[in-house]
């Protein structure tokens, strides 16, 4: 996508699949950890 004067805009993406013992807190915490890994690797990745 051409963002014009903004130049290249990138995203960091975290991903996870639900597990049997998950509740709403545990699955959110896990996907946030995945996002943190993507940001620590410089972004623009999954």
ModelCIF file with pLDDT and N, C-alpha, C, O atoms, coordinates in Angstrom:
data_MODEL
#
_entry.id   MODEL 
#
_entity.id                         1 
_entity.type                       polymer 
_entity.pdbx_number_of_molecules   1 
#
_entity_poly.entity_id                      1 
_entity_poly.type                           'polypeptide(L)' 
_entity_poly.nstd_linkage                   no 
_entity_poly.nstd_monomer                   no 
_entity_poly.pdbx_seq_one_letter_code       
;(UNK)(UNK)(UNK)(UNK)(UNK)(UNK)(UNK)(UNK)(UNK)(UNK)(UNK)(UNK)(UNK)(UNK)(UNK)(UNK)
(UNK)(UNK)(UNK)(UNK)(UNK)(UNK)(UNK)(UNK)(UNK)(UNK)(UNK)(UNK)(UNK)(UNK)(UNK)(UNK)
(UNK)(UNK)(UNK)(UNK)(UNK)(UNK)(UNK)(UNK)(UNK)(UNK)(UNK)(UNK)(UNK)(UNK)
;
_entity_poly.pdbx_seq_one_letter_code_can   XXXXXXXXXXXXXXXXXXXXXXXXXXXXXXXXXXXXXXXXXXXXXX 
_entity_poly.pdbx_strand_id                 A 
#
loop_
_entity_poly_seq.entity_id 
_entity_poly_seq.num 
_entity_poly_seq.mon_id 
_entity_poly_seq.hetero 
1 1  UNK n 
1 2  UNK n 
1 3  UNK n 
1 4  UNK n 
1 5  UNK n 
1 6  UNK n 
1 7  UNK n 
1 8  UNK n 
1 9  UNK n 
1 10 UNK n 
1 11 UNK n 
1 12 UNK n 
1 13 UNK n 
1 14 UNK n 
1 15 UNK n 
1 16 UNK n 
1 17 UNK n 
1 18 UNK n 
1 19 UNK n 
1 20 UNK n 
1 21 UNK n 
1 22 UNK n 
1 23 UNK n 
1 24 UNK n 
1 25 UNK n 
1 26 UNK n 
1 27 UNK n 
1 28 UNK n 
1 29 UNK n 
1 30 UNK n 
1 31 UNK n 
1 32 UNK n 
1 33 UNK n 
1 34 UNK n 
1 35 UNK n 
1 36 UNK n 
1 37 UNK n 
1 38 UNK n 
1 39 UNK n 
1 40 UNK n 
1 41 UNK n 
1 42 UNK n 
1 43 UNK n 
1 44 UNK n 
1 45 UNK n 
1 46 UNK n 
#
_struct_asym.id          A 
_struct_asym.entity_id   1 
#
loop_
_ma_qa_metric.id 
_ma_qa_metric.mode 
_ma_qa_metric.name 
_ma_qa_metric.software_group_id 
_ma_qa_metric.type 
1 global pLDDT . pLDDT 
2 local  pLDDT . pLDDT 
#
_ma_qa_metric_global.metric_id      1 
_ma_qa_metric_global.metric_value   88.20 
_ma_qa_metric_global.model_id       1 
_ma_qa_metric_global.ordinal_id     1 
#
loop_
_ma_qa_metric_local.label_asym_id 
_ma_qa_metric_local.label_comp_id 
_ma_qa_metric_local.label_seq_id 
_ma_qa_metric_local.metric_id 
_ma_qa_metric_local.metric_value 
_ma_qa_metric_local.model_id 
_ma_qa_metric_local.ordinal_id 
A UNK 1  2 89.00 1 1  
A UNK 2  2 86.00 1 2  
A UNK 3  2 85.00 1 3  
A UNK 4  2 84.00 1 4  
A UNK 5  2 84.00 1 5  
A UNK 6  2 85.00 1 6  
A UNK 7  2 84.00 1 7  
A UNK 8  2 86.00 1 8  
A UNK 9  2 87.00 1 9  
A UNK 10 2 90.00 1 10 
A UNK 11 2 91.00 1 11 
A UNK 12 2 92.00 1 12 
A UNK 13 2 92.00 1 13 
A UNK 14 2 92.00 1 14 
A UNK 15 2 92.00 1 15 
A UNK 16 2 91.00 1 16 
A UNK 17 2 91.00 1 17 
A UNK 18 2 89.00 1 18 
A UNK 19 2 86.00 1 19 
A UNK 20 2 82.00 1 20 
A UNK 21 2 83.00 1 21 
A UNK 22 2 84.00 1 22 
A UNK 23 2 87.00 1 23 
A UNK 24 2 83.00 1 24 
A UNK 25 2 87.00 1 25 
A UNK 26 2 90.00 1 26 
A UNK 27 2 89.00 1 27 
A UNK 28 2 89.00 1 28 
A UNK 29 2 91.00 1 29 
A UNK 30 2 92.00 1 30 
A UNK 31 2 90.00 1 31 
A UNK 32 2 91.00 1 32 
A UNK 33 2 92.00 1 33 
A UNK 34 2 91.00 1 34 
A UNK 35 2 91.00 1 35 
A UNK 36 2 91.00 1 36 
A UNK 37 2 91.00 1 37 
A UNK 38 2 90.00 1 38 
A UNK 39 2 89.00 1 39 
A UNK 40 2 89.00 1 40 
A UNK 41 2 87.00 1 41 
A UNK 42 2 86.00 1 42 
A UNK 43 2 83.00 1 43 
A UNK 44 2 86.00 1 44 
A UNK 45 2 88.00 1 45 
A UNK 46 2 89.00 1 46 
#
loop_
_atom_site.group_PDB 
_atom_site.id 
_atom_site.type_symbol 
_atom_site.label_atom_id 
_atom_site.label_alt_id 
_atom_site.label_comp_id 
_atom_site.label_asym_id 
_atom_site.label_entity_id 
_atom_site.label_seq_id 
_atom_site.pdbx_PDB_ins_code 
_atom_site.Cartn_x 
_atom_site.Cartn_y 
_atom_site.Cartn_z 
_atom_site.occupancy 
_atom_site.B_iso_or_equiv 
_atom_site.pdbx_formal_charge 
_atom_site.auth_seq_id 
_atom_site.auth_comp_id 
_atom_site.auth_asym_id 
_atom_site.auth_atom_id 
_atom_site.pdbx_PDB_model_num 
ATOM 1   N N  . UNK A 1 1  ? 0.841   -1.204  0.000  1.00 89.00 ? 1  UNK A N  1 
ATOM 2   C CA . UNK A 1 1  ? 0.000   0.000   0.000  1.00 89.00 ? 1  UNK A CA 1 
ATOM 3   C C  . UNK A 1 1  ? 0.878   1.256   0.000  1.00 89.00 ? 1  UNK A C  1 
ATOM 4   O O  . UNK A 1 1  ? 1.893   1.309   0.693  1.00 89.00 ? 1  UNK A O  1 
ATOM 5   N N  . UNK A 1 2  ? 0.483   2.251   -0.773 1.00 86.00 ? 2  UNK A N  1 
ATOM 6   C CA . UNK A 1 2  ? 1.216   3.514   -0.847 1.00 86.00 ? 2  UNK A CA 1 
ATOM 7   C C  . UNK A 1 2  ? 0.664   4.480   0.204  1.00 86.00 ? 2  UNK A C  1 
ATOM 8   O O  . UNK A 1 2  ? -0.446  4.994   0.065  1.00 86.00 ? 2  UNK A O  1 
ATOM 9   N N  . UNK A 1 3  ? 1.442   4.716   1.243  1.00 85.00 ? 3  UNK A N  1 
ATOM 10  C CA . UNK A 1 3  ? 1.025   5.609   2.311  1.00 85.00 ? 3  UNK A CA 1 
ATOM 11  C C  . UNK A 1 3  ? 1.460   7.058   2.070  1.00 85.00 ? 3  UNK A C  1 
ATOM 12  O O  . UNK A 1 3  ? 1.358   7.890   2.971  1.00 85.00 ? 3  UNK A O  1 
ATOM 13  N N  . UNK A 1 4  ? 1.935   7.360   0.880  1.00 84.00 ? 4  UNK A N  1 
ATOM 14  C CA . UNK A 1 4  ? 2.269   8.728   0.539  1.00 84.00 ? 4  UNK A CA 1 
ATOM 15  C C  . UNK A 1 4  ? 3.427   9.259   1.365  1.00 84.00 ? 4  UNK A C  1 
ATOM 16  O O  . UNK A 1 4  ? 4.462   8.603   1.485  1.00 84.00 ? 4  UNK A O  1 
ATOM 17  N N  . UNK A 1 5  ? 3.256   10.437  1.932  1.00 84.00 ? 5  UNK A N  1 
ATOM 18  C CA . UNK A 1 5  ? 4.323   11.107  2.672  1.00 84.00 ? 5  UNK A CA 1 
ATOM 19  C C  . UNK A 1 5  ? 4.710   10.391  3.959  1.00 84.00 ? 5  UNK A C  1 
ATOM 20  O O  . UNK A 1 5  ? 5.740   10.701  4.557  1.00 84.00 ? 5  UNK A O  1 
ATOM 21  N N  . UNK A 1 6  ? 3.871   9.412   4.396  1.00 85.00 ? 6  UNK A N  1 
ATOM 22  C CA . UNK A 1 6  ? 4.213   8.650   5.605  1.00 85.00 ? 6  UNK A CA 1 
ATOM 23  C C  . UNK A 1 6  ? 5.319   7.642   5.328  1.00 85.00 ? 6  UNK A C  1 
ATOM 24  O O  . UNK A 1 6  ? 5.971   7.152   6.250  1.00 85.00 ? 6  UNK A O  1 
ATOM 25  N N  . UNK A 1 7  ? 5.526   7.334   4.045  1.00 84.00 ? 7  UNK A N  1 
ATOM 26  C CA . UNK A 1 7  ? 6.518   6.319   3.712  1.00 84.00 ? 7  UNK A CA 1 
ATOM 27  C C  . UNK A 1 7  ? 6.008   4.930   4.010  1.00 84.00 ? 7  UNK A C  1 
ATOM 28  O O  . UNK A 1 7  ? 4.807   4.676   3.920  1.00 84.00 ? 7  UNK A O  1 
ATOM 29  N N  . UNK A 1 8  ? 6.895   4.035   4.361  1.00 86.00 ? 8  UNK A N  1 
ATOM 30  C CA . UNK A 1 8  ? 6.508   2.657   4.655  1.00 86.00 ? 8  UNK A CA 1 
ATOM 31  C C  . UNK A 1 8  ? 5.978   2.556   6.088  1.00 86.00 ? 8  UNK A C  1 
ATOM 32  O O  . UNK A 1 8  ? 6.662   2.936   7.038  1.00 86.00 ? 8  UNK A O  1 
ATOM 33  N N  . UNK A 1 9  ? 4.760   2.043   6.234  1.00 87.00 ? 9  UNK A N  1 
ATOM 34  C CA . UNK A 1 9  ? 4.162   1.798   7.550  1.00 87.00 ? 9  UNK A CA 1 
ATOM 35  C C  . UNK A 1 9  ? 4.101   0.294   7.755  1.00 87.00 ? 9  UNK A C  1 
ATOM 36  O O  . UNK A 1 9  ? 3.611   -0.440  6.897  1.00 87.00 ? 9  UNK A O  1 
ATOM 37  N N  . UNK A 1 10 ? 4.600   -0.157  8.891  1.00 90.00 ? 10 UNK A N  1 
ATOM 38  C CA . UNK A 1 10 ? 4.652   -1.603  9.154  1.00 90.00 ? 10 UNK A CA 1 
ATOM 39  C C  . UNK A 1 10 ? 3.852   -1.955  10.401 1.00 90.00 ? 10 UNK A C  1 
ATOM 40  O O  . UNK A 1 10 ? 3.450   -1.092  11.181 1.00 90.00 ? 10 UNK A O  1 
ATOM 41  N N  . UNK A 1 11 ? 3.640   -3.249  10.555 1.00 91.00 ? 11 UNK A N  1 
ATOM 42  C CA . UNK A 1 11 ? 2.886   -3.764  11.694 1.00 91.00 ? 11 UNK A CA 1 
ATOM 43  C C  . UNK A 1 11 ? 3.682   -4.848  12.407 1.00 91.00 ? 11 UNK A C  1 
ATOM 44  O O  . UNK A 1 11 ? 4.474   -5.558  11.788 1.00 91.00 ? 11 UNK A O  1 
ATOM 45  N N  . UNK A 1 12 ? 3.466   -4.968  13.710 1.00 92.00 ? 12 UNK A N  1 
ATOM 46  C CA . UNK A 1 12 ? 3.944   -6.121  14.478 1.00 92.00 ? 12 UNK A CA 1 
ATOM 47  C C  . UNK A 1 12 ? 2.719   -6.967  14.820 1.00 92.00 ? 12 UNK A C  1 
ATOM 48  O O  . UNK A 1 12 ? 1.687   -6.453  15.250 1.00 92.00 ? 12 UNK A O  1 
ATOM 49  N N  . UNK A 1 13 ? 2.862   -8.278  14.617 1.00 92.00 ? 13 UNK A N  1 
ATOM 50  C CA . UNK A 1 13 ? 1.711   -9.170  14.792 1.00 92.00 ? 13 UNK A CA 1 
ATOM 51  C C  . UNK A 1 13 ? 2.076   -10.307 15.743 1.00 92.00 ? 13 UNK A C  1 
ATOM 52  O O  . UNK A 1 13 ? 3.097   -10.972 15.567 1.00 92.00 ? 13 UNK A O  1 
ATOM 53  N N  . UNK A 1 14 ? 1.230   -10.523 16.754 1.00 92.00 ? 14 UNK A N  1 
ATOM 54  C CA . UNK A 1 14 ? 1.354   -11.677 17.638 1.00 92.00 ? 14 UNK A CA 1 
ATOM 55  C C  . UNK A 1 14 ? 0.224   -12.636 17.373 1.00 92.00 ? 14 UNK A C  1 
ATOM 56  O O  . UNK A 1 14 ? -0.898  -12.219 17.084 1.00 92.00 ? 14 UNK A O  1 
ATOM 57  N N  . UNK A 1 15 ? 0.511   -13.936 17.471 1.00 92.00 ? 15 UNK A N  1 
ATOM 58  C CA . UNK A 1 15 ? -0.499  -14.949 17.152 1.00 92.00 ? 15 UNK A CA 1 
ATOM 59  C C  . UNK A 1 15 ? -0.469  -16.078 18.178 1.00 92.00 ? 15 UNK A C  1 
ATOM 60  O O  . UNK A 1 15 ? 0.592   -16.454 18.676 1.00 92.00 ? 15 UNK A O  1 
ATOM 61  N N  . UNK A 1 16 ? -1.643  -16.607 18.481 1.00 91.00 ? 16 UNK A N  1 
ATOM 62  C CA . UNK A 1 16 ? -1.724  -17.784 19.357 1.00 91.00 ? 16 UNK A CA 1 
ATOM 63  C C  . UNK A 1 16 ? -3.026  -18.513 19.095 1.00 91.00 ? 16 UNK A C  1 
ATOM 64  O O  . UNK A 1 16 ? -4.006  -17.940 18.619 1.00 91.00 ? 16 UNK A O  1 
ATOM 65  N N  . UNK A 1 17 ? -3.004  -19.803 19.422 1.00 91.00 ? 17 UNK A N  1 
ATOM 66  C CA . UNK A 1 17 ? -4.187  -20.660 19.313 1.00 91.00 ? 17 UNK A CA 1 
ATOM 67  C C  . UNK A 1 17 ? -4.641  -21.026 20.725 1.00 91.00 ? 17 UNK A C  1 
ATOM 68  O O  . UNK A 1 17 ? -3.813  -21.215 21.617 1.00 91.00 ? 17 UNK A O  1 
ATOM 69  N N  . UNK A 1 18 ? -5.946  -21.126 20.924 1.00 89.00 ? 18 UNK A N  1 
ATOM 70  C CA . UNK A 1 18 ? -6.440  -21.467 22.266 1.00 89.00 ? 18 UNK A CA 1 
ATOM 71  C C  . UNK A 1 18 ? -5.989  -22.858 22.697 1.00 89.00 ? 18 UNK A C  1 
ATOM 72  O O  . UNK A 1 18 ? -5.777  -23.740 21.865 1.00 89.00 ? 18 UNK A O  1 
ATOM 73  N N  . UNK A 1 19 ? -5.846  -23.040 23.989 1.00 86.00 ? 19 UNK A N  1 
ATOM 74  C CA . UNK A 1 19 ? -5.489  -24.317 24.585 1.00 86.00 ? 19 UNK A CA 1 
ATOM 75  C C  . UNK A 1 19 ? -6.570  -24.732 25.572 1.00 86.00 ? 19 UNK A C  1 
ATOM 76  O O  . UNK A 1 19 ? -7.363  -23.907 26.024 1.00 86.00 ? 19 UNK A O  1 
ATOM 77  N N  . UNK A 1 20 ? -6.593  -26.011 25.900 1.00 82.00 ? 20 UNK A N  1 
ATOM 78  C CA . UNK A 1 20 ? -7.665  -26.550 26.746 1.00 82.00 ? 20 UNK A CA 1 
ATOM 79  C C  . UNK A 1 20 ? -7.817  -25.819 28.075 1.00 82.00 ? 20 UNK A C  1 
ATOM 80  O O  . UNK A 1 20 ? -8.942  -25.495 28.453 1.00 82.00 ? 20 UNK A O  1 
ATOM 81  N N  . UNK A 1 21 ? -6.717  -25.542 28.811 1.00 83.00 ? 21 UNK A N  1 
ATOM 82  C CA . UNK A 1 21 ? -6.897  -24.901 30.117 1.00 83.00 ? 21 UNK A CA 1 
ATOM 83  C C  . UNK A 1 21 ? -7.090  -23.388 30.048 1.00 83.00 ? 21 UNK A C  1 
ATOM 84  O O  . UNK A 1 21 ? -7.170  -22.739 31.091 1.00 83.00 ? 21 UNK A O  1 
ATOM 85  N N  . UNK A 1 22 ? -7.168  -22.802 28.839 1.00 84.00 ? 22 UNK A N  1 
ATOM 86  C CA . UNK A 1 22 ? -7.211  -21.346 28.709 1.00 84.00 ? 22 UNK A CA 1 
ATOM 87  C C  . UNK A 1 22 ? -8.454  -20.733 29.341 1.00 84.00 ? 22 UNK A C  1 
ATOM 88  O O  . UNK A 1 22 ? -9.531  -21.328 29.351 1.00 84.00 ? 22 UNK A O  1 
ATOM 89  N N  . UNK A 1 23 ? -8.272  -19.527 29.868 1.00 87.00 ? 23 UNK A N  1 
ATOM 90  C CA . UNK A 1 23 ? -9.399  -18.646 30.175 1.00 87.00 ? 23 UNK A CA 1 
ATOM 91  C C  . UNK A 1 23 ? -9.137  -17.337 29.440 1.00 87.00 ? 23 UNK A C  1 
ATOM 92  O O  . UNK A 1 23 ? -8.146  -17.220 28.720 1.00 87.00 ? 23 UNK A O  1 
ATOM 93  N N  . UNK A 1 24 ? -10.015 -16.355 29.614 1.00 83.00 ? 24 UNK A N  1 
ATOM 94  C CA . UNK A 1 24 ? -9.882  -15.124 28.850 1.00 83.00 ? 24 UNK A CA 1 
ATOM 95  C C  . UNK A 1 24 ? -8.601  -14.362 29.191 1.00 83.00 ? 24 UNK A C  1 
ATOM 96  O O  . UNK A 1 24 ? -8.080  -13.631 28.348 1.00 83.00 ? 24 UNK A O  1 
ATOM 97  N N  . UNK A 1 25 ? -8.096  -14.519 30.393 1.00 87.00 ? 25 UNK A N  1 
ATOM 98  C CA . UNK A 1 25 ? -6.871  -13.813 30.789 1.00 87.00 ? 25 UNK A CA 1 
ATOM 99  C C  . UNK A 1 25 ? -5.630  -14.491 30.223 1.00 87.00 ? 25 UNK A C  1 
ATOM 100 O O  . UNK A 1 25 ? -4.737  -13.823 29.701 1.00 87.00 ? 25 UNK A O  1 
ATOM 101 N N  . UNK A 1 26 ? -5.571  -15.819 30.326 1.00 90.00 ? 26 UNK A N  1 
ATOM 102 C CA . UNK A 1 26 ? -4.369  -16.540 29.899 1.00 90.00 ? 26 UNK A CA 1 
ATOM 103 C C  . UNK A 1 26 ? -4.136  -16.433 28.397 1.00 90.00 ? 26 UNK A C  1 
ATOM 104 O O  . UNK A 1 26 ? -2.996  -16.280 27.958 1.00 90.00 ? 26 UNK A O  1 
ATOM 105 N N  . UNK A 1 27 ? -5.203  -16.514 27.607 1.00 89.00 ? 27 UNK A N  1 
ATOM 106 C CA . UNK A 1 27 ? -5.010  -16.466 26.155 1.00 89.00 ? 27 UNK A CA 1 
ATOM 107 C C  . UNK A 1 27 ? -4.609  -15.061 25.706 1.00 89.00 ? 27 UNK A C  1 
ATOM 108 O O  . UNK A 1 27 ? -3.830  -14.910 24.764 1.00 89.00 ? 27 UNK A O  1 
ATOM 109 N N  . UNK A 1 28 ? -5.138  -14.031 26.375 1.00 89.00 ? 28 UNK A N  1 
ATOM 110 C CA . UNK A 1 28 ? -4.751  -12.660 26.043 1.00 89.00 ? 28 UNK A CA 1 
ATOM 111 C C  . UNK A 1 28 ? -3.298  -12.405 26.436 1.00 89.00 ? 28 UNK A C  1 
ATOM 112 O O  . UNK A 1 28 ? -2.552  -11.783 25.679 1.00 89.00 ? 28 UNK A O  1 
ATOM 113 N N  . UNK A 1 29 ? -2.897  -12.875 27.598 1.00 91.00 ? 29 UNK A N  1 
ATOM 114 C CA . UNK A 1 29 ? -1.503  -12.699 28.030 1.00 91.00 ? 29 UNK A CA 1 
ATOM 115 C C  . UNK A 1 29 ? -0.539  -13.370 27.052 1.00 91.00 ? 29 UNK A C  1 
ATOM 116 O O  . UNK A 1 29 ? 0.539   -12.846 26.771 1.00 91.00 ? 29 UNK A O  1 
ATOM 117 N N  . UNK A 1 30 ? -0.935  -14.527 26.540 1.00 92.00 ? 30 UNK A N  1 
ATOM 118 C CA . UNK A 1 30 ? -0.044  -15.266 25.631 1.00 92.00 ? 30 UNK A CA 1 
ATOM 119 C C  . UNK A 1 30 ? 0.106   -14.551 24.287 1.00 92.00 ? 30 UNK A C  1 
ATOM 120 O O  . UNK A 1 30 ? 1.202   -14.479 23.730 1.00 92.00 ? 30 UNK A O  1 
ATOM 121 N N  . UNK A 1 31 ? -1.000  -14.030 23.780 1.00 90.00 ? 31 UNK A N  1 
ATOM 122 C CA . UNK A 1 31 ? -0.900  -13.340 22.488 1.00 90.00 ? 31 UNK A CA 1 
ATOM 123 C C  . UNK A 1 31 ? -0.153  -12.019 22.639 1.00 90.00 ? 31 UNK A C  1 
ATOM 124 O O  . UNK A 1 31 ? 0.492   -11.565 21.694 1.00 90.00 ? 31 UNK A O  1 
ATOM 125 N N  . UNK A 1 32 ? -0.231  -11.395 23.818 1.00 91.00 ? 32 UNK A N  1 
ATOM 126 C CA . UNK A 1 32 ? 0.563   -10.180 24.077 1.00 91.00 ? 32 UNK A CA 1 
ATOM 127 C C  . UNK A 1 32 ? 2.056   -10.501 24.132 1.00 91.00 ? 32 UNK A C  1 
ATOM 128 O O  . UNK A 1 32 ? 2.884   -9.714  23.675 1.00 91.00 ? 32 UNK A O  1 
ATOM 129 N N  . UNK A 1 33 ? 2.386   -11.648 24.688 1.00 92.00 ? 33 UNK A N  1 
ATOM 130 C CA . UNK A 1 33 ? 3.792   -12.074 24.711 1.00 92.00 ? 33 UNK A CA 1 
ATOM 131 C C  . UNK A 1 33 ? 4.311   -12.286 23.292 1.00 92.00 ? 33 UNK A C  1 
ATOM 132 O O  . UNK A 1 33 ? 5.449   -11.935 22.980 1.00 92.00 ? 33 UNK A O  1 
ATOM 133 N N  . UNK A 1 34 ? 3.473   -12.858 22.439 1.00 91.00 ? 34 UNK A N  1 
ATOM 134 C CA . UNK A 1 34 ? 3.860   -13.053 21.037 1.00 91.00 ? 34 UNK A CA 1 
ATOM 135 C C  . UNK A 1 34 ? 4.072   -11.707 20.350 1.00 91.00 ? 34 UNK A C  1 
ATOM 136 O O  . UNK A 1 34 ? 5.011   -11.552 19.569 1.00 91.00 ? 34 UNK A O  1 
ATOM 137 N N  . UNK A 1 35 ? 3.211   -10.739 20.636 1.00 91.00 ? 35 UNK A N  1 
ATOM 138 C CA . UNK A 1 35 ? 3.378   -9.397  20.068 1.00 91.00 ? 35 UNK A CA 1 
ATOM 139 C C  . UNK A 1 35 ? 4.678   -8.760  20.554 1.00 91.00 ? 35 UNK A C  1 
ATOM 140 O O  . UNK A 1 35 ? 5.385   -8.115  19.780 1.00 91.00 ? 35 UNK A O  1 
ATOM 141 N N  . UNK A 1 36 ? 4.987   -8.940  21.821 1.00 91.00 ? 36 UNK A N  1 
ATOM 142 C CA . UNK A 1 36 ? 6.223   -8.381  22.381 1.00 91.00 ? 36 UNK A CA 1 
ATOM 143 C C  . UNK A 1 36 ? 7.447   -8.954  21.664 1.00 91.00 ? 36 UNK A C  1 
ATOM 144 O O  . UNK A 1 36 ? 8.406   -8.231  21.395 1.00 91.00 ? 36 UNK A O  1 
ATOM 145 N N  . UNK A 1 37 ? 7.413   -10.249 21.356 1.00 91.00 ? 37 UNK A N  1 
ATOM 146 C CA . UNK A 1 37 ? 8.515   -10.875 20.610 1.00 91.00 ? 37 UNK A CA 1 
ATOM 147 C C  . UNK A 1 37 ? 8.672   -10.240 19.229 1.00 91.00 ? 37 UNK A C  1 
ATOM 148 O O  . UNK A 1 37 ? 9.786   -10.008 18.760 1.00 91.00 ? 37 UNK A O  1 
ATOM 149 N N  . UNK A 1 38 ? 7.520   -9.961  18.580 1.00 90.00 ? 38 UNK A N  1 
ATOM 150 C CA . UNK A 1 38 ? 7.574   -9.353  17.249 1.00 90.00 ? 38 UNK A CA 1 
ATOM 151 C C  . UNK A 1 38 ? 8.174   -7.956  17.314 1.00 90.00 ? 38 UNK A C  1 
ATOM 152 O O  . UNK A 1 38 ? 8.951   -7.575  16.439 1.00 90.00 ? 38 UNK A O  1 
ATOM 153 N N  . UNK A 1 39 ? 7.825   -7.197  18.334 1.00 89.00 ? 39 UNK A N  1 
ATOM 154 C CA . UNK A 1 39 ? 8.358   -5.838  18.487 1.00 89.00 ? 39 UNK A CA 1 
ATOM 155 C C  . UNK A 1 39 ? 9.849   -5.868  18.829 1.00 89.00 ? 39 UNK A C  1 
ATOM 156 O O  . UNK A 1 39 ? 10.617  -5.034  18.350 1.00 89.00 ? 39 UNK A O  1 
ATOM 157 N N  . UNK A 1 40 ? 10.254  -6.836  19.662 1.00 89.00 ? 40 UNK A N  1 
ATOM 158 C CA . UNK A 1 40 ? 11.661  -6.943  20.031 1.00 89.00 ? 40 UNK A CA 1 
ATOM 159 C C  . UNK A 1 40 ? 12.538  -7.339  18.835 1.00 89.00 ? 40 UNK A C  1 
ATOM 160 O O  . UNK A 1 40 ? 13.731  -7.039  18.794 1.00 89.00 ? 40 UNK A O  1 
ATOM 161 N N  . UNK A 1 41 ? 11.920  -8.015  17.875 1.00 87.00 ? 41 UNK A N  1 
ATOM 162 C CA . UNK A 1 41 ? 12.651  -8.393  16.652 1.00 87.00 ? 41 UNK A CA 1 
ATOM 163 C C  . UNK A 1 41 ? 12.635  -7.287  15.600 1.00 87.00 ? 41 UNK A C  1 
ATOM 164 O O  . UNK A 1 41 ? 13.048  -7.503  14.460 1.00 87.00 ? 41 UNK A O  1 
ATOM 165 N N  . UNK A 1 42 ? 12.167  -6.125  15.978 1.00 86.00 ? 42 UNK A N  1 
ATOM 166 C CA . UNK A 1 42 ? 12.229  -4.987  15.061 1.00 86.00 ? 42 UNK A CA 1 
ATOM 167 C C  . UNK A 1 42 ? 10.925  -4.665  14.355 1.00 86.00 ? 42 UNK A C  1 
ATOM 168 O O  . UNK A 1 42 ? 10.882  -3.733  13.553 1.00 86.00 ? 42 UNK A O  1 
ATOM 169 N N  . UNK A 1 43 ? 9.863   -5.407  14.628 1.00 83.00 ? 43 UNK A N  1 
ATOM 170 C CA . UNK A 1 43 ? 8.573   -5.157  13.998 1.00 83.00 ? 43 UNK A CA 1 
ATOM 171 C C  . UNK A 1 43 ? 8.490   -5.705  12.588 1.00 83.00 ? 43 UNK A C  1 
ATOM 172 O O  . UNK A 1 43 ? 9.405   -6.377  12.112 1.00 83.00 ? 43 UNK A O  1 
ATOM 173 N N  . UNK A 1 44 ? 7.377   -5.408  11.923 1.00 86.00 ? 44 UNK A N  1 
ATOM 174 C CA . UNK A 1 44 ? 7.140   -5.862  10.537 1.00 86.00 ? 44 UNK A CA 1 
ATOM 175 C C  . UNK A 1 44 ? 7.267   -7.374  10.417 1.00 86.00 ? 44 UNK A C  1 
ATOM 176 O O  . UNK A 1 44 ? 7.782   -7.882  9.421  1.00 86.00 ? 44 UNK A O  1 
ATOM 177 N N  . UNK A 1 45 ? 6.794   -8.097  11.437 1.00 88.00 ? 45 UNK A N  1 
ATOM 178 C CA . UNK A 1 45 ? 6.866   -9.560  11.401 1.00 88.00 ? 45 UNK A CA 1 
ATOM 179 C C  . UNK A 1 45 ? 5.732   -10.164 12.216 1.00 88.00 ? 45 UNK A C  1 
ATOM 180 O O  . UNK A 1 45 ? 5.024   -9.473  12.949 1.00 88.00 ? 45 UNK A O  1 
ATOM 181 N N  . UNK A 1 46 ? 5.580   -11.490 12.065 1.00 89.00 ? 46 UNK A N  1 
ATOM 182 C CA . UNK A 1 46 ? 4.564   -12.255 12.807 1.00 89.00 ? 46 UNK A CA 1 
ATOM 183 C C  . UNK A 1 46 ? 5.282   -13.232 13.712 1.00 89.00 ? 46 UNK A C  1 
ATOM 184 O O  . UNK A 1 46 ? 4.638   -13.989 14.439 1.00 89.00 ? 46 UNK A O  1 
#
